[in-house]
């Protein structure tokens, strides 16, 4: 029995695809593993993962990639911060702030300790939500927000069977193909 290993970064919720996979492919277990972006990318490169959900940072010459959705950035600030009254935070609003650039979970912890504010994708802020922080939409410039995208990524290197077929089946699940639809649909 061949299983499929899918890594994902914080903020991505692969549960809906895992449920469909379990219904369609009960003889082929799906192993979901959350990690930091560098760990997820390393797992793809060394073959520990067959597919991954990542944000922005992959080469399309090294990997196949399907962009699934775009995410707007948000500002995470300590509860009681001036931003709590704002509907939108802009880049100029951040000029007088200490903007934390640590790994996101650490940044949220530091924000909760009133050490500064952080900018991150909305789904990450939601996943790391705490009672001592607030979240507000962020707009970098008058042109709009700097969005990130979440993509399903897998190696361009040929895979042995049945792994190659399982990868294509999972891609189909993520793309919303039904059991009766063809790969072209």
C-alpha atoms as a PDB file:
ATOM      1  CA  UNK A   1       0.000   0.000   0.000  1.00  0.00           C
ATOM      2  CA  UNK A   2       1.537   3.270  -1.152  1.00  0.00           C
ATOM      3  CA  UNK A   3       0.948   6.389   0.892  1.00  0.00           C
ATOM      4  CA  UNK A   4       1.251  10.031  -0.081  1.00  0.00           C
ATOM      5  CA  UNK A   5       3.101  12.589   2.056  1.00  0.00           C
ATOM      6  CA  UNK A   6       1.989  16.209   1.839  1.00  0.00           C
ATOM      7  CA  UNK A   7       3.729  18.941   3.810  1.00  0.00           C
ATOM      8  CA  UNK A   8       2.150  22.341   4.433  1.00  0.00           C
ATOM      9  CA  UNK A   9       2.981  25.683   6.031  1.00  0.00           C
ATOM     10  CA  UNK A  10       1.127  27.406   8.858  1.00  0.00           C
ATOM     11  CA  UNK A  11      -2.157  28.980   7.849  1.00  0.00           C
ATOM     12  CA  UNK A  12      -2.905  26.452   5.117  1.00  0.00           C
ATOM     13  CA  UNK A  13      -5.732  24.107   6.084  1.00  0.00           C
ATOM     14  CA  UNK A  14      -5.562  20.985   3.917  1.00  0.00           C
ATOM     15  CA  UNK A  15      -8.355  19.215   5.819  1.00  0.00           C
ATOM     16  CA  UNK A  16     -10.992  19.528   3.089  1.00  0.00           C
ATOM     17  CA  UNK A  17      -8.679  17.938   0.530  1.00  0.00           C
ATOM     18  CA  UNK A  18      -7.609  15.240   2.999  1.00  0.00           C
ATOM     19  CA  UNK A  19     -11.261  14.332   3.571  1.00  0.00           C
ATOM     20  CA  UNK A  20     -11.944  13.968  -0.160  1.00  0.00           C
ATOM     21  CA  UNK A  21      -8.721  11.948  -0.525  1.00  0.00           C
ATOM     22  CA  UNK A  22      -9.737   9.571   2.288  1.00  0.00           C
ATOM     23  CA  UNK A  23     -13.119   8.985   0.630  1.00  0.00           C
ATOM     24  CA  UNK A  24     -11.664   8.385  -2.840  1.00  0.00           C
ATOM     25  CA  UNK A  25      -8.390   6.669  -2.029  1.00  0.00           C
ATOM     26  CA  UNK A  26      -8.924   4.711   1.226  1.00  0.00           C
ATOM     27  CA  UNK A  27      -6.185   2.205   0.326  1.00  0.00           C
ATOM     28  CA  UNK A  28      -3.582   4.969   0.028  1.00  0.00           C
ATOM     29  CA  UNK A  29      -3.112   6.885   3.296  1.00  0.00           C
ATOM     30  CA  UNK A  30      -2.393  10.593   3.189  1.00  0.00           C
ATOM     31  CA  UNK A  31       0.149  11.894   5.692  1.00  0.00           C
ATOM     32  CA  UNK A  32      -0.099  15.638   6.375  1.00  0.00           C
ATOM     33  CA  UNK A  33       2.883  17.301   8.043  1.00  0.00           C
ATOM     34  CA  UNK A  34       3.046  20.977   9.001  1.00  0.00           C
ATOM     35  CA  UNK A  35       6.405  22.730   8.973  1.00  0.00           C
ATOM     36  CA  UNK A  36       8.275  25.948   8.469  1.00  0.00           C
ATOM     37  CA  UNK A  37       8.670  27.003   4.815  1.00  0.00           C
ATOM     38  CA  UNK A  38      12.358  26.001   4.647  1.00  0.00           C
ATOM     39  CA  UNK A  39      11.575  22.576   6.143  1.00  0.00           C
ATOM     40  CA  UNK A  40       8.704  22.014   3.739  1.00  0.00           C
ATOM     41  CA  UNK A  41      10.845  22.966   0.755  1.00  0.00           C
ATOM     42  CA  UNK A  42      13.672  20.699   1.961  1.00  0.00           C
ATOM     43  CA  UNK A  43      11.211  17.795   2.325  1.00  0.00           C
ATOM     44  CA  UNK A  44      10.125  18.293  -1.296  1.00  0.00           C
ATOM     45  CA  UNK A  45      13.704  18.440  -2.521  1.00  0.00           C
ATOM     46  CA  UNK A  46      14.891  15.358  -0.656  1.00  0.00           C
ATOM     47  CA  UNK A  47      11.800  13.267  -1.429  1.00  0.00           C
ATOM     48  CA  UNK A  48      10.374  13.129   2.110  1.00  0.00           C
ATOM     49  CA  UNK A  49       7.255  14.833   0.704  1.00  0.00           C
ATOM     50  CA  UNK A  50       5.634  14.252  -2.667  1.00  0.00           C
ATOM     51  CA  UNK A  51       3.589  17.475  -2.580  1.00  0.00           C
ATOM     52  CA  UNK A  52       3.451  20.627  -0.501  1.00  0.00           C
ATOM     53  CA  UNK A  53       1.331  23.681   0.112  1.00  0.00           C
ATOM     54  CA  UNK A  54       3.682  26.683   0.133  1.00  0.00           C
ATOM     55  CA  UNK A  55       3.564  30.468  -0.113  1.00  0.00           C
ATOM     56  CA  UNK A  56       5.277  32.320  -2.975  1.00  0.00           C
ATOM     57  CA  UNK A  57       8.809  30.999  -2.689  1.00  0.00           C
ATOM     58  CA  UNK A  58       9.284  28.258  -5.282  1.00  0.00           C
ATOM     59  CA  UNK A  59      10.977  28.034  -8.634  1.00  0.00           C
ATOM     60  CA  UNK A  60       8.742  26.904 -11.475  1.00  0.00           C
ATOM     61  CA  UNK A  61      11.785  25.402 -13.199  1.00  0.00           C
ATOM     62  CA  UNK A  62      12.354  23.087 -10.233  1.00  0.00           C
ATOM     63  CA  UNK A  63       8.710  22.423  -9.317  1.00  0.00           C
ATOM     64  CA  UNK A  64       5.264  22.156 -10.801  1.00  0.00           C
ATOM     65  CA  UNK A  65       3.028  24.727  -9.178  1.00  0.00           C
ATOM     66  CA  UNK A  66      -0.678  25.481  -9.108  1.00  0.00           C
ATOM     67  CA  UNK A  67      -1.618  28.745  -7.432  1.00  0.00           C
ATOM     68  CA  UNK A  68      -4.720  28.058  -5.345  1.00  0.00           C
ATOM     69  CA  UNK A  69      -5.524  31.443  -3.855  1.00  0.00           C
ATOM     70  CA  UNK A  70      -4.117  34.825  -2.876  1.00  0.00           C
ATOM     71  CA  UNK A  71      -3.927  36.108   0.669  1.00  0.00           C
ATOM     72  CA  UNK A  72      -4.079  39.684   1.848  1.00  0.00           C
ATOM     73  CA  UNK A  73      -1.641  40.799   4.519  1.00  0.00           C
ATOM     74  CA  UNK A  74      -2.682  41.932   7.964  1.00  0.00           C
ATOM     75  CA  UNK A  75      -1.008  43.708  10.849  1.00  0.00           C
ATOM     76  CA  UNK A  76      -0.934  41.931  14.201  1.00  0.00           C
ATOM     77  CA  UNK A  77      -0.700  44.371  17.129  1.00  0.00           C
ATOM     78  CA  UNK A  78      -1.031  44.088  20.906  1.00  0.00           C
ATOM     79  CA  UNK A  79      -4.537  44.346  22.332  1.00  0.00           C
ATOM     80  CA  UNK A  80      -5.208  47.968  23.318  1.00  0.00           C
ATOM     81  CA  UNK A  81      -2.865  49.317  20.609  1.00  0.00           C
ATOM     82  CA  UNK A  82      -3.871  52.429  18.682  1.00  0.00           C
ATOM     83  CA  UNK A  83      -4.454  50.188  15.624  1.00  0.00           C
ATOM     84  CA  UNK A  84      -7.405  48.607  17.434  1.00  0.00           C
ATOM     85  CA  UNK A  85      -9.524  51.623  16.403  1.00  0.00           C
ATOM     86  CA  UNK A  86      -8.342  51.473  12.761  1.00  0.00           C
ATOM     87  CA  UNK A  87     -10.231  49.857   9.906  1.00  0.00           C
ATOM     88  CA  UNK A  88      -7.028  49.661   7.861  1.00  0.00           C
ATOM     89  CA  UNK A  89      -3.325  50.023   8.660  1.00  0.00           C
ATOM     90  CA  UNK A  90      -1.018  51.519   6.018  1.00  0.00           C
ATOM     91  CA  UNK A  91       2.735  51.477   5.530  1.00  0.00           C
ATOM     92  CA  UNK A  92       2.939  55.062   6.793  1.00  0.00           C
ATOM     93  CA  UNK A  93       1.152  53.958  10.002  1.00  0.00           C
ATOM     94  CA  UNK A  94       3.982  51.477  10.594  1.00  0.00           C
ATOM     95  CA  UNK A  95       6.780  54.058  10.322  1.00  0.00           C
ATOM     96  CA  UNK A  96       6.698  54.834  14.053  1.00  0.00           C
ATOM     97  CA  UNK A  97       6.339  51.164  15.053  1.00  0.00           C
ATOM     98  CA  UNK A  98       8.796  48.383  15.776  1.00  0.00           C
ATOM     99  CA  UNK A  99       7.935  45.907  13.027  1.00  0.00           C
ATOM    100  CA  UNK A 100       8.974  42.396  14.016  1.00  0.00           C
ATOM    101  CA  UNK A 101      10.435  40.200  11.298  1.00  0.00           C
ATOM    102  CA  UNK A 102      10.951  36.971  13.239  1.00  0.00           C
ATOM    103  CA  UNK A 103       9.391  33.658  12.264  1.00  0.00           C
ATOM    104  CA  UNK A 104       5.630  34.211  12.482  1.00  0.00           C
ATOM    105  CA  UNK A 105       4.782  32.231  15.619  1.00  0.00           C
ATOM    106  CA  UNK A 106       7.592  33.944  17.536  1.00  0.00           C
ATOM    107  CA  UNK A 107       6.544  37.328  16.151  1.00  0.00           C
ATOM    108  CA  UNK A 108       2.973  36.825  17.401  1.00  0.00           C
ATOM    109  CA  UNK A 109       4.310  35.837  20.814  1.00  0.00           C
ATOM    110  CA  UNK A 110       6.430  38.998  20.905  1.00  0.00           C
ATOM    111  CA  UNK A 111       3.480  41.120  19.763  1.00  0.00           C
ATOM    112  CA  UNK A 112       1.470  39.672  22.642  1.00  0.00           C
ATOM    113  CA  UNK A 113       4.295  40.763  24.966  1.00  0.00           C
ATOM    114  CA  UNK A 114       3.956  44.316  23.558  1.00  0.00           C
ATOM    115  CA  UNK A 115       7.358  44.216  21.816  1.00  0.00           C
ATOM    116  CA  UNK A 116       6.077  45.523  18.476  1.00  0.00           C
ATOM    117  CA  UNK A 117       3.757  44.706  15.589  1.00  0.00           C
ATOM    118  CA  UNK A 118       4.032  42.192  12.738  1.00  0.00           C
ATOM    119  CA  UNK A 119       2.799  41.929   9.152  1.00  0.00           C
ATOM    120  CA  UNK A 120       1.783  38.494   7.856  1.00  0.00           C
ATOM    121  CA  UNK A 121      -0.772  36.734   5.641  1.00  0.00           C
ATOM    122  CA  UNK A 122      -4.282  36.747   7.075  1.00  0.00           C
ATOM    123  CA  UNK A 123      -4.535  32.951   7.356  1.00  0.00           C
ATOM    124  CA  UNK A 124      -1.296  32.828   9.350  1.00  0.00           C
ATOM    125  CA  UNK A 125      -2.599  35.467  11.763  1.00  0.00           C
ATOM    126  CA  UNK A 126      -5.825  33.486  12.106  1.00  0.00           C
ATOM    127  CA  UNK A 127      -3.952  30.237  12.783  1.00  0.00           C
ATOM    128  CA  UNK A 128      -1.729  31.910  15.400  1.00  0.00           C
ATOM    129  CA  UNK A 129      -4.513  33.985  16.963  1.00  0.00           C
ATOM    130  CA  UNK A 130      -4.218  34.840  20.644  1.00  0.00           C
ATOM    131  CA  UNK A 131      -6.414  36.778  23.058  1.00  0.00           C
ATOM    132  CA  UNK A 132      -3.736  39.394  23.673  1.00  0.00           C
ATOM    133  CA  UNK A 133      -3.378  40.502  20.027  1.00  0.00           C
ATOM    134  CA  UNK A 134      -5.593  42.180  17.433  1.00  0.00           C
ATOM    135  CA  UNK A 135      -5.522  41.871  13.649  1.00  0.00           C
ATOM    136  CA  UNK A 136      -6.209  44.629  11.131  1.00  0.00           C
ATOM    137  CA  UNK A 137      -6.078  44.670   7.307  1.00  0.00           C
ATOM    138  CA  UNK A 138      -2.835  46.086   5.904  1.00  0.00           C
ATOM    139  CA  UNK A 139      -2.344  48.143   2.769  1.00  0.00           C
ATOM    140  CA  UNK A 140       1.232  48.744   1.733  1.00  0.00           C
ATOM    141  CA  UNK A 141       0.601  51.524  -0.774  1.00  0.00           C
ATOM    142  CA  UNK A 142      -2.142  53.408  -2.568  1.00  0.00           C
ATOM    143  CA  UNK A 143      -1.921  50.722  -5.248  1.00  0.00           C
ATOM    144  CA  UNK A 144      -3.079  48.115  -2.730  1.00  0.00           C
ATOM    145  CA  UNK A 145      -1.756  45.348  -0.531  1.00  0.00           C
ATOM    146  CA  UNK A 146       1.197  43.103  -1.231  1.00  0.00           C
ATOM    147  CA  UNK A 147      -0.626  39.781  -1.550  1.00  0.00           C
ATOM    148  CA  UNK A 148       0.976  36.377  -1.166  1.00  0.00           C
ATOM    149  CA  UNK A 149      -0.231  33.299  -2.934  1.00  0.00           C
ATOM    150  CA  UNK A 150      -0.636  29.758  -1.693  1.00  0.00           C
ATOM    151  CA  UNK A 151       0.250  27.065  -4.175  1.00  0.00           C
ATOM    152  CA  UNK A 152       0.292  23.286  -4.419  1.00  0.00           C
ATOM    153  CA  UNK A 153       3.824  22.320  -5.397  1.00  0.00           C
ATOM    154  CA  UNK A 154       5.467  19.067  -6.504  1.00  0.00           C
ATOM    155  CA  UNK A 155       8.683  17.976  -8.197  1.00  0.00           C
ATOM    156  CA  UNK A 156       9.150  18.116 -11.947  1.00  0.00           C
ATOM    157  CA  UNK A 157      11.292  14.968 -11.684  1.00  0.00           C
ATOM    158  CA  UNK A 158       9.465  11.857 -12.941  1.00  0.00           C
ATOM    159  CA  UNK A 159       8.145   9.680 -10.108  1.00  0.00           C
ATOM    160  CA  UNK A 160       7.816   5.889 -10.153  1.00  0.00           C
ATOM    161  CA  UNK A 161       4.404   4.247 -10.304  1.00  0.00           C
ATOM    162  CA  UNK A 162       2.117   4.149  -8.421  1.00  0.00           C
ATOM    163  CA  UNK A 163       3.424   7.368  -6.836  1.00  0.00           C
ATOM    164  CA  UNK A 164       3.128   9.336 -10.098  1.00  0.00           C
ATOM    165  CA  UNK A 165      -0.540   8.388 -10.395  1.00  0.00           C
ATOM    166  CA  UNK A 166      -1.229   9.204  -6.743  1.00  0.00           C
ATOM    167  CA  UNK A 167       0.341  12.639  -7.162  1.00  0.00           C
ATOM    168  CA  UNK A 168      -1.873  13.349 -10.169  1.00  0.00           C
ATOM    169  CA  UNK A 169      -4.921  12.095  -8.253  1.00  0.00           C
ATOM    170  CA  UNK A 170      -4.159  14.478  -5.380  1.00  0.00           C
ATOM    171  CA  UNK A 171      -3.661  17.364  -7.817  1.00  0.00           C
ATOM    172  CA  UNK A 172      -7.100  16.502  -9.194  1.00  0.00           C
ATOM    173  CA  UNK A 173      -8.636  16.540  -5.712  1.00  0.00           C
ATOM    174  CA  UNK A 174      -7.142  19.961  -5.002  1.00  0.00           C
ATOM    175  CA  UNK A 175      -8.306  21.279  -8.360  1.00  0.00           C
ATOM    176  CA  UNK A 176     -11.832  20.124  -7.535  1.00  0.00           C
ATOM    177  CA  UNK A 177     -12.125  17.305 -10.023  1.00  0.00           C
ATOM    178  CA  UNK A 178     -14.919  14.925  -9.212  1.00  0.00           C
ATOM    179  CA  UNK A 179     -14.599  11.151  -9.293  1.00  0.00           C
ATOM    180  CA  UNK A 180     -16.237  11.111 -12.744  1.00  0.00           C
ATOM    181  CA  UNK A 181     -14.360  14.039 -14.316  1.00  0.00           C
ATOM    182  CA  UNK A 182     -11.420  13.577 -16.636  1.00  0.00           C
ATOM    183  CA  UNK A 183      -7.957  15.043 -16.053  1.00  0.00           C
ATOM    184  CA  UNK A 184      -8.683  17.655 -18.670  1.00  0.00           C
ATOM    185  CA  UNK A 185     -11.780  18.878 -16.790  1.00  0.00           C
END
